[in-house]
């Protein structure tokens, strides 16, 4: 049970996790600052870094002795920082297959529905994909596992949008009759890392900042729920599962707000034009 819902008790290294989630976003961020072209790109990069740093700071705060939970803090450190081993690679593969299977099934069903129902199918896709990533995380105690799964899916959606997926007939096969995309958009940073191939830069960002920041956010919510339930962090049990589900609900609702925002903006623009 501890293997499934908590701490993997065997010795594990944590070097690659620390490099990925702590060093890479900061190093790449300095390169990005020198290539920002306008205020929109600056604000976008700023938003992601605020999310990344705030979530990471909250997690590190919980791992410290500030709440006088030194023993639990040690358990918390081992809970998410494991490097990827053979088990991790196995769950990355399972997770990628699972996420794309969930997306394929739910979005195929949703393609035949009305727009409002399609939106619910899209949101269900996000939640179920997050559930797959949560299971992969709890089976490995390695945050890099859901980060990589998340980055692969986001990169696929970005690839569809940026290239038109011309190799297999264009993105229209992924759109509805009204022109609405079947895939919910993913958050994009939009800043080139070297003035070169923007798609390549965006894929790098999806893995190192977007997926990392969002997985940090989910991990932070999970930890907060466990702390609220127990008053200290316990690395296994139903509280961890409850925290994971709560984090998915919160994260999914963020996507729902993102999906509704363009429609709200369009509606307000139409209303303004009618009043004017």
Foldseek 3Di string as FASTA:
>chain_A
DCLQQFFDPDDADQVVVCCQLPPVVVVLVVLLVVFDDDVVLVVLNVVLVCLSVVLVVLLVVQLDCPLPQVVLSVRSVRQARGDQDPLLVVLLVVLLVQLVVLLVVLLVVLLPDDPVSLLVSQLVSLLSSLVSLLSSCSNGSYLLSSLSSQLVVLLVLLCCVPVQPPVVPGQVVQAHPVGHGSHQHARFSQGASPPDDSSVRRSVCSRRGRSSSLSSQLVSQLQVQCCVVPVGHDGGDVSSVVSNSVSSVVSSVVSSCVRCVVVVVVVVVVVVVVVD
